[in-house]
Amino acid sequence: EGDGAEENGDEKAEKTKSKLGIYVQVNTSGESTKSGVSPGSELLALVESISSDCPYLSIDGLMTIGAPGDLSCFDALVRCREEVAQALGVKEERLELSMG
């Protein structure tokens, strides 16, 4: 057991009754050198789990690191946002997108 000095995000949020906003990273390029969850069922399972099991986390958006010069990765992220918004029952505009 620790000395109580460390807290996880849920514990901090519970004390302040606020939600910690997060972005879910999606591997839209499929490159093994990139991190993130795969688009489709893996992404949807993750966001549904976060939504139901992590009451002090708020999914604010999706992020990806696409292949250099490949805008199709951003198009894929837009499609992911559509699917996630539908799964969570929120408007697409509520979910921000970030591509590095």
C-alpha atoms as a PDB file:
ATOM      1  CA  GLU A   1       0.000   0.000   0.000  1.00  0.00           C
ATOM      2  CA  GLY A   2       1.175   3.509  -0.797  1.00  0.00           C
ATOM      3  CA  ASP A   3       1.209   6.591   1.355  1.00  0.00           C
ATOM      4  CA  GLY A   4      -1.893   7.969  -0.310  1.00  0.00           C
ATOM      5  CA  ALA A   5       0.020  10.634  -2.219  1.00  0.00           C
ATOM      6  CA  GLU A   6      -0.837   9.132  -5.598  1.00  0.00           C
ATOM      7  CA  GLU A   7      -4.335   9.243  -7.020  1.00  0.00           C
ATOM      8  CA  ASN A   8      -5.678   8.067 -10.317  1.00  0.00           C
ATOM      9  CA  GLY A   9      -7.817  10.301 -12.540  1.00  0.00           C
ATOM     10  CA  ASP A  10     -11.102   8.805 -11.308  1.00  0.00           C
ATOM     11  CA  GLU A  11     -10.188   9.451  -7.658  1.00  0.00           C
ATOM     12  CA  LYS A  12      -9.269  13.077  -8.336  1.00  0.00           C
ATOM     13  CA  ALA A  13     -12.414  13.654 -10.367  1.00  0.00           C
ATOM     14  CA  GLU A  14     -14.581  12.052  -7.701  1.00  0.00           C
ATOM     15  CA  LYS A  15     -13.296  14.529  -5.123  1.00  0.00           C
ATOM     16  CA  THR A  16     -14.045  17.509  -7.356  1.00  0.00           C
ATOM     17  CA  LYS A  17     -17.162  15.948  -8.941  1.00  0.00           C
ATOM     18  CA  SER A  18     -15.867  16.869 -12.375  1.00  0.00           C
ATOM     19  CA  LYS A  19     -14.995  14.717 -15.348  1.00  0.00           C
ATOM     20  CA  LEU A  20     -11.554  14.430 -16.867  1.00  0.00           C
ATOM     21  CA  GLY A  21     -11.703  14.960 -20.622  1.00  0.00           C
ATOM     22  CA  ILE A  22      -9.791  12.471 -22.745  1.00  0.00           C
ATOM     23  CA  TYR A  23      -9.069  11.774 -26.395  1.00  0.00           C
ATOM     24  CA  VAL A  24      -9.023   8.192 -27.651  1.00  0.00           C
ATOM     25  CA  GLN A  25      -6.130   7.490 -30.023  1.00  0.00           C
ATOM     26  CA  VAL A  26      -7.099   5.572 -33.168  1.00  0.00           C
ATOM     27  CA  ASN A  27      -4.550   3.860 -35.418  1.00  0.00           C
ATOM     28  CA  THR A  28      -6.097   4.927 -38.730  1.00  0.00           C
ATOM     29  CA  SER A  29      -3.024   4.093 -40.811  1.00  0.00           C
ATOM     30  CA  GLY A  30      -2.710   0.505 -39.639  1.00  0.00           C
ATOM     31  CA  GLU A  31       1.040   1.017 -39.239  1.00  0.00           C
ATOM     32  CA  SER A  32       2.648  -1.158 -36.577  1.00  0.00           C
ATOM     33  CA  THR A  33       4.848   1.791 -35.580  1.00  0.00           C
ATOM     34  CA  LYS A  34       1.775   3.805 -34.551  1.00  0.00           C
ATOM     35  CA  SER A  35      -0.173   3.368 -31.330  1.00  0.00           C
ATOM     36  CA  GLY A  36      -3.890   3.437 -30.837  1.00  0.00           C
ATOM     37  CA  VAL A  37      -6.958   1.285 -31.019  1.00  0.00           C
ATOM     38  CA  SER A  38      -8.086  -0.106 -34.373  1.00  0.00           C
ATOM     39  CA  PRO A  39     -11.085   1.552 -36.055  1.00  0.00           C
ATOM     40  CA  GLY A  40     -14.379  -0.324 -35.991  1.00  0.00           C
ATOM     41  CA  SER A  41     -15.394  -2.830 -33.349  1.00  0.00           C
ATOM     42  CA  GLU A  42     -12.251  -2.409 -31.218  1.00  0.00           C
ATOM     43  CA  LEU A  43     -12.763   1.366 -31.017  1.00  0.00           C
ATOM     44  CA  LEU A  44     -16.470   1.037 -30.279  1.00  0.00           C
ATOM     45  CA  ALA A  45     -15.859  -1.544 -27.546  1.00  0.00           C
ATOM     46  CA  LEU A  46     -13.312   0.759 -25.896  1.00  0.00           C
ATOM     47  CA  VAL A  47     -15.471   3.897 -25.924  1.00  0.00           C
ATOM     48  CA  GLU A  48     -18.506   1.968 -24.693  1.00  0.00           C
ATOM     49  CA  SER A  49     -16.401   0.528 -21.865  1.00  0.00           C
ATOM     50  CA  ILE A  50     -15.067   3.963 -20.923  1.00  0.00           C
ATOM     51  CA  SER A  51     -18.570   5.414 -21.049  1.00  0.00           C
ATOM     52  CA  SER A  52     -20.088   2.724 -18.835  1.00  0.00           C
ATOM     53  CA  ASP A  53     -17.190   1.859 -16.512  1.00  0.00           C
ATOM     54  CA  CYS A  54     -15.382   5.180 -16.001  1.00  0.00           C
ATOM     55  CA  PRO A  55     -17.930   7.712 -14.719  1.00  0.00           C
ATOM     56  CA  TYR A  56     -15.318  10.411 -14.154  1.00  0.00           C
ATOM     57  CA  LEU A  57     -13.894  10.303 -17.683  1.00  0.00           C
ATOM     58  CA  SER A  58     -15.439  12.188 -20.583  1.00  0.00           C
ATOM     59  CA  ILE A  59     -14.568  11.274 -24.166  1.00  0.00           C
ATOM     60  CA  ASP A  60     -13.927  14.702 -25.663  1.00  0.00           C
ATOM     61  CA  GLY A  61     -12.606  13.499 -28.984  1.00  0.00           C
ATOM     62  CA  LEU A  62     -10.509  11.207 -31.122  1.00  0.00           C
ATOM     63  CA  MET A  63      -6.913  11.591 -32.204  1.00  0.00           C
ATOM     64  CA  THR A  64      -4.653   9.898 -34.714  1.00  0.00           C
ATOM     65  CA  ILE A  65      -1.158  10.087 -36.111  1.00  0.00           C
ATOM     66  CA  GLY A  66      -1.644   9.378 -39.778  1.00  0.00           C
ATOM     67  CA  ALA A  67       0.848   8.287 -42.364  1.00  0.00           C
ATOM     68  CA  PRO A  68       2.856  11.292 -43.645  1.00  0.00           C
ATOM     69  CA  GLY A  69       0.997  13.073 -46.440  1.00  0.00           C
ATOM     70  CA  ASP A  70      -1.929  10.638 -46.335  1.00  0.00           C
ATOM     71  CA  LEU A  71      -5.170  12.543 -45.791  1.00  0.00           C
ATOM     72  CA  SER A  72      -7.179   9.313 -45.974  1.00  0.00           C
ATOM     73  CA  CYS A  73      -6.218   8.795 -42.324  1.00  0.00           C
ATOM     74  CA  PHE A  74      -8.110  11.955 -41.397  1.00  0.00           C
ATOM     75  CA  ASP A  75     -11.088  10.805 -43.489  1.00  0.00           C
ATOM     76  CA  ALA A  76     -11.007   7.542 -41.536  1.00  0.00           C
ATOM     77  CA  LEU A  77     -10.983   9.495 -38.267  1.00  0.00           C
ATOM     78  CA  VAL A  78     -14.064  11.437 -39.411  1.00  0.00           C
ATOM     79  CA  ARG A  79     -15.846   8.120 -40.040  1.00  0.00           C
ATOM     80  CA  CYS A  80     -14.750   6.896 -36.609  1.00  0.00           C
ATOM     81  CA  ARG A  81     -16.260  10.014 -35.040  1.00  0.00           C
ATOM     82  CA  GLU A  82     -19.581   9.273 -36.761  1.00  0.00           C
ATOM     83  CA  GLU A  83     -19.588   5.730 -35.352  1.00  0.00           C
ATOM     84  CA  VAL A  84     -18.534   6.792 -31.854  1.00  0.00           C
ATOM     85  CA  ALA A  85     -21.115   9.590 -31.708  1.00  0.00           C
ATOM     86  CA  GLN A  86     -23.845   7.152 -32.690  1.00  0.00           C
ATOM     87  CA  ALA A  87     -22.659   4.558 -30.147  1.00  0.00           C
ATOM     88  CA  LEU A  88     -22.562   7.135 -27.339  1.00  0.00           C
ATOM     89  CA  GLY A  89     -25.752   8.918 -28.370  1.00  0.00           C
ATOM     90  CA  VAL A  90     -24.081  12.315 -28.764  1.00  0.00           C
ATOM     91  CA  LYS A  91     -23.825  14.801 -31.615  1.00  0.00           C
ATOM     92  CA  GLU A  92     -20.756  14.418 -33.812  1.00  0.00           C
ATOM     93  CA  GLU A  93     -19.832  18.061 -33.209  1.00  0.00           C
ATOM     94  CA  ARG A  94     -19.321  17.290 -29.516  1.00  0.00           C
ATOM     95  CA  LEU A  95     -16.360  15.058 -30.369  1.00  0.00           C
ATOM     96  CA  GLU A  96     -13.256  16.945 -31.444  1.00  0.00           C
ATOM     97  CA  LEU A  97     -10.696  15.536 -33.860  1.00  0.00           C
ATOM     98  CA  SER A  98      -6.922  15.868 -33.664  1.00  0.00           C
ATOM     99  CA  MET A  99      -4.434  14.630 -36.231  1.00  0.00           C
ATOM    100  CA  GLY A 100      -0.707  14.922 -35.697  1.00  0.00           C
END
